[in-house]
Amino acid sequence: MNNVESKLTEVIEDIETLGNKFVFLITAATAEDPLSARARIGLLEFGSESIKALSSIENKLKNYRAGTPS
């Protein structure tokens, strides 16, 4: 596998992982039972980490489009 294929595979895996996180976030946020205070804090932190992961994926795709995969 060459470098470009390796980078694309990495981005695809990142997107799959982020998709799993979003499904979890939606499930937790819409649960019938209210979240505890600690769970709400964890949910917010998890959401923040997911946004950072999305930003990283966007940067990788922009670099790939520009011809400079990081």
N, C-alpha and C. Protein backbone atom coordinates (compact mmCIF):
# COMPACT_ATOMS: atom_id res chain seq x y z
N MET A 1 0.86 -1.18 0.00
CA MET A 1 0.00 0.00 0.00
C MET A 1 0.90 1.24 0.00
N ASN A 2 0.63 2.16 -0.93
CA ASN A 2 1.45 3.36 -0.98
C ASN A 2 0.99 4.39 0.06
N ASN A 3 1.71 5.48 0.15
CA ASN A 3 1.44 6.50 1.17
C ASN A 3 0.05 7.11 1.03
N VAL A 4 -0.38 7.37 -0.20
CA VAL A 4 -1.70 7.98 -0.43
C VAL A 4 -2.80 7.02 0.02
N GLU A 5 -2.68 5.76 -0.36
CA GLU A 5 -3.67 4.76 0.06
C GLU A 5 -3.69 4.62 1.57
N SER A 6 -2.52 4.66 2.17
CA SER A 6 -2.41 4.56 3.63
C SER A 6 -3.12 5.73 4.31
N LYS A 7 -2.91 6.92 3.78
CA LYS A 7 -3.55 8.11 4.36
C LYS A 7 -5.07 8.07 4.17
N LEU A 8 -5.52 7.62 3.02
CA LEU A 8 -6.96 7.51 2.79
C LEU A 8 -7.58 6.47 3.72
N THR A 9 -6.90 5.36 3.91
CA THR A 9 -7.38 4.33 4.83
C THR A 9 -7.48 4.90 6.24
N GLU A 10 -6.49 5.68 6.63
CA GLU A 10 -6.50 6.31 7.96
C GLU A 10 -7.70 7.25 8.12
N VAL A 11 -7.97 8.04 7.10
CA VAL A 11 -9.11 8.97 7.16
C VAL A 11 -10.43 8.19 7.22
N ILE A 12 -10.54 7.14 6.43
CA ILE A 12 -11.76 6.32 6.45
C ILE A 12 -11.97 5.73 7.84
N GLU A 13 -10.91 5.22 8.45
CA GLU A 13 -11.02 4.66 9.80
C GLU A 13 -11.40 5.73 10.82
N ASP A 14 -10.83 6.93 10.66
CA ASP A 14 -11.18 8.04 11.55
C ASP A 14 -12.67 8.39 11.43
N ILE A 15 -13.18 8.39 10.20
CA ILE A 15 -14.59 8.71 9.97
C ILE A 15 -15.49 7.63 10.58
N GLU A 16 -15.10 6.37 10.44
CA GLU A 16 -15.88 5.29 11.03
C GLU A 16 -15.92 5.42 12.56
N THR A 17 -14.78 5.72 13.15
CA THR A 17 -14.71 5.89 14.61
C THR A 17 -15.57 7.07 15.05
N LEU A 18 -15.48 8.16 14.32
CA LEU A 18 -16.28 9.34 14.65
C LEU A 18 -17.77 9.05 14.50
N GLY A 19 -18.13 8.29 13.49
CA GLY A 19 -19.53 7.90 13.32
C GLY A 19 -20.03 7.11 14.51
N ASN A 20 -19.22 6.19 15.01
CA ASN A 20 -19.59 5.43 16.21
C ASN A 20 -19.79 6.35 17.40
N LYS A 21 -18.92 7.34 17.53
CA LYS A 21 -19.04 8.30 18.65
C LYS A 21 -20.33 9.10 18.53
N PHE A 22 -20.67 9.53 17.33
CA PHE A 22 -21.88 10.31 17.15
C PHE A 22 -23.13 9.49 17.47
N VAL A 23 -23.12 8.22 17.08
CA VAL A 23 -24.26 7.36 17.42
C VAL A 23 -24.38 7.26 18.94
N PHE A 24 -23.25 7.08 19.62
CA PHE A 24 -23.28 7.03 21.08
C PHE A 24 -23.82 8.34 21.66
N LEU A 25 -23.32 9.46 21.16
CA LEU A 25 -23.76 10.76 21.68
C LEU A 25 -25.26 10.95 21.51
N ILE A 26 -25.77 10.61 20.35
CA ILE A 26 -27.20 10.77 20.10
C ILE A 26 -28.00 9.85 21.01
N THR A 27 -27.54 8.61 21.16
CA THR A 27 -28.22 7.66 22.04
C THR A 27 -28.23 8.15 23.48
N ALA A 28 -27.09 8.62 23.96
CA ALA A 28 -27.00 9.11 25.34
C ALA A 28 -27.85 10.36 25.55
N ALA A 29 -27.82 11.25 24.58
CA ALA A 29 -28.54 12.51 24.71
C ALA A 29 -30.06 12.34 24.65
N THR A 30 -30.50 11.27 24.01
CA THR A 30 -31.94 11.07 23.85
C THR A 30 -32.47 9.93 24.73
N ALA A 31 -31.67 9.48 25.67
CA ALA A 31 -32.08 8.38 26.55
C ALA A 31 -33.28 8.80 27.39
N GLU A 32 -34.13 7.83 27.69
CA GLU A 32 -35.32 8.08 28.52
C GLU A 32 -34.94 8.50 29.93
N ASP A 33 -33.95 7.83 30.48
CA ASP A 33 -33.52 8.15 31.85
C ASP A 33 -32.60 9.36 31.83
N PRO A 34 -32.77 10.27 32.78
CA PRO A 34 -31.89 11.44 32.82
C PRO A 34 -30.46 11.03 33.17
N LEU A 35 -29.52 11.75 32.62
CA LEU A 35 -28.12 11.50 32.91
C LEU A 35 -27.76 12.10 34.26
N SER A 36 -26.86 11.43 34.97
CA SER A 36 -26.37 11.99 36.22
C SER A 36 -25.48 13.19 35.90
N ALA A 37 -25.17 13.98 36.91
CA ALA A 37 -24.32 15.15 36.69
C ALA A 37 -22.96 14.73 36.13
N ARG A 38 -22.43 13.64 36.64
CA ARG A 38 -21.14 13.16 36.16
C ARG A 38 -21.24 12.68 34.71
N ALA A 39 -22.33 12.01 34.39
CA ALA A 39 -22.53 11.54 33.02
C ALA A 39 -22.70 12.71 32.05
N ARG A 40 -23.37 13.78 32.48
CA ARG A 40 -23.52 14.97 31.62
C ARG A 40 -22.16 15.60 31.34
N ILE A 41 -21.32 15.67 32.37
CA ILE A 41 -19.96 16.21 32.17
C ILE A 41 -19.20 15.34 31.19
N GLY A 42 -19.29 14.02 31.37
CA GLY A 42 -18.61 13.10 30.45
C GLY A 42 -19.13 13.23 29.04
N LEU A 43 -20.42 13.41 28.89
CA LEU A 43 -21.03 13.58 27.58
C LEU A 43 -20.51 14.85 26.90
N LEU A 44 -20.41 15.93 27.65
CA LEU A 44 -19.89 17.18 27.09
C LEU A 44 -18.42 17.03 26.69
N GLU A 45 -17.63 16.38 27.53
CA GLU A 45 -16.22 16.18 27.21
C GLU A 45 -16.07 15.28 25.97
N PHE A 46 -16.90 14.24 25.91
CA PHE A 46 -16.87 13.34 24.78
C PHE A 46 -17.25 14.08 23.50
N GLY A 47 -18.26 14.94 23.59
CA GLY A 47 -18.66 15.75 22.45
C GLY A 47 -17.55 16.67 21.99
N SER A 48 -16.86 17.27 22.94
CA SER A 48 -15.76 18.16 22.63
C SER A 48 -14.64 17.40 21.92
N GLU A 49 -14.32 16.21 22.41
CA GLU A 49 -13.29 15.39 21.77
C GLU A 49 -13.72 14.99 20.36
N SER A 50 -14.99 14.72 20.17
CA SER A 50 -15.49 14.34 18.85
C SER A 50 -15.39 15.50 17.87
N ILE A 51 -15.63 16.71 18.32
CA ILE A 51 -15.50 17.88 17.46
C ILE A 51 -14.04 18.07 17.06
N LYS A 52 -13.12 17.85 17.99
CA LYS A 52 -11.70 17.94 17.67
C LYS A 52 -11.31 16.88 16.65
N ALA A 53 -11.86 15.66 16.80
CA ALA A 53 -11.58 14.58 15.85
C ALA A 53 -12.10 14.94 14.46
N LEU A 54 -13.29 15.54 14.40
CA LEU A 54 -13.86 15.96 13.12
C LEU A 54 -12.97 17.02 12.46
N SER A 55 -12.48 17.94 13.25
CA SER A 55 -11.59 18.97 12.72
C SER A 55 -10.31 18.35 12.16
N SER A 56 -9.79 17.35 12.84
CA SER A 56 -8.60 16.65 12.37
C SER A 56 -8.86 15.96 11.04
N ILE A 57 -10.02 15.32 10.92
CA ILE A 57 -10.38 14.65 9.67
C ILE A 57 -10.50 15.68 8.55
N GLU A 58 -11.15 16.80 8.84
CA GLU A 58 -11.29 17.85 7.82
C GLU A 58 -9.93 18.34 7.35
N ASN A 59 -9.00 18.53 8.28
CA ASN A 59 -7.65 18.98 7.91
C ASN A 59 -6.94 17.95 7.04
N LYS A 60 -7.08 16.68 7.39
CA LYS A 60 -6.46 15.62 6.58
C LYS A 60 -7.01 15.63 5.17
N LEU A 61 -8.33 15.77 5.04
CA LEU A 61 -8.94 15.80 3.71
C LEU A 61 -8.53 17.03 2.92
N LYS A 62 -8.44 18.17 3.58
CA LYS A 62 -7.99 19.40 2.90
C LYS A 62 -6.56 19.24 2.41
N ASN A 63 -5.69 18.66 3.26
CA ASN A 63 -4.30 18.43 2.86
C ASN A 63 -4.22 17.46 1.69
N TYR A 64 -5.05 16.42 1.74
CA TYR A 64 -5.07 15.45 0.64
C TYR A 64 -5.51 16.13 -0.65
N ARG A 65 -6.57 16.94 -0.57
CA ARG A 65 -7.07 17.65 -1.75
C ARG A 65 -6.01 18.60 -2.30
N ALA A 66 -5.24 19.19 -1.41
CA ALA A 66 -4.19 20.12 -1.84
C ALA A 66 -2.96 19.39 -2.35
N GLY A 67 -2.96 18.06 -2.21
CA GLY A 67 -1.84 17.28 -2.70
C GLY A 67 -0.70 17.10 -1.71
N THR A 68 -0.99 17.40 -0.44
CA THR A 68 0.04 17.26 0.59
C THR A 68 -0.51 16.48 1.78
N PRO A 69 -0.78 15.16 1.60
CA PRO A 69 -1.32 14.38 2.71
C PRO A 69 -0.41 14.46 3.93
N SER A 70 -1.02 14.69 5.09
CA SER A 70 -0.22 14.80 6.31
C SER A 70 -0.16 13.48 7.03
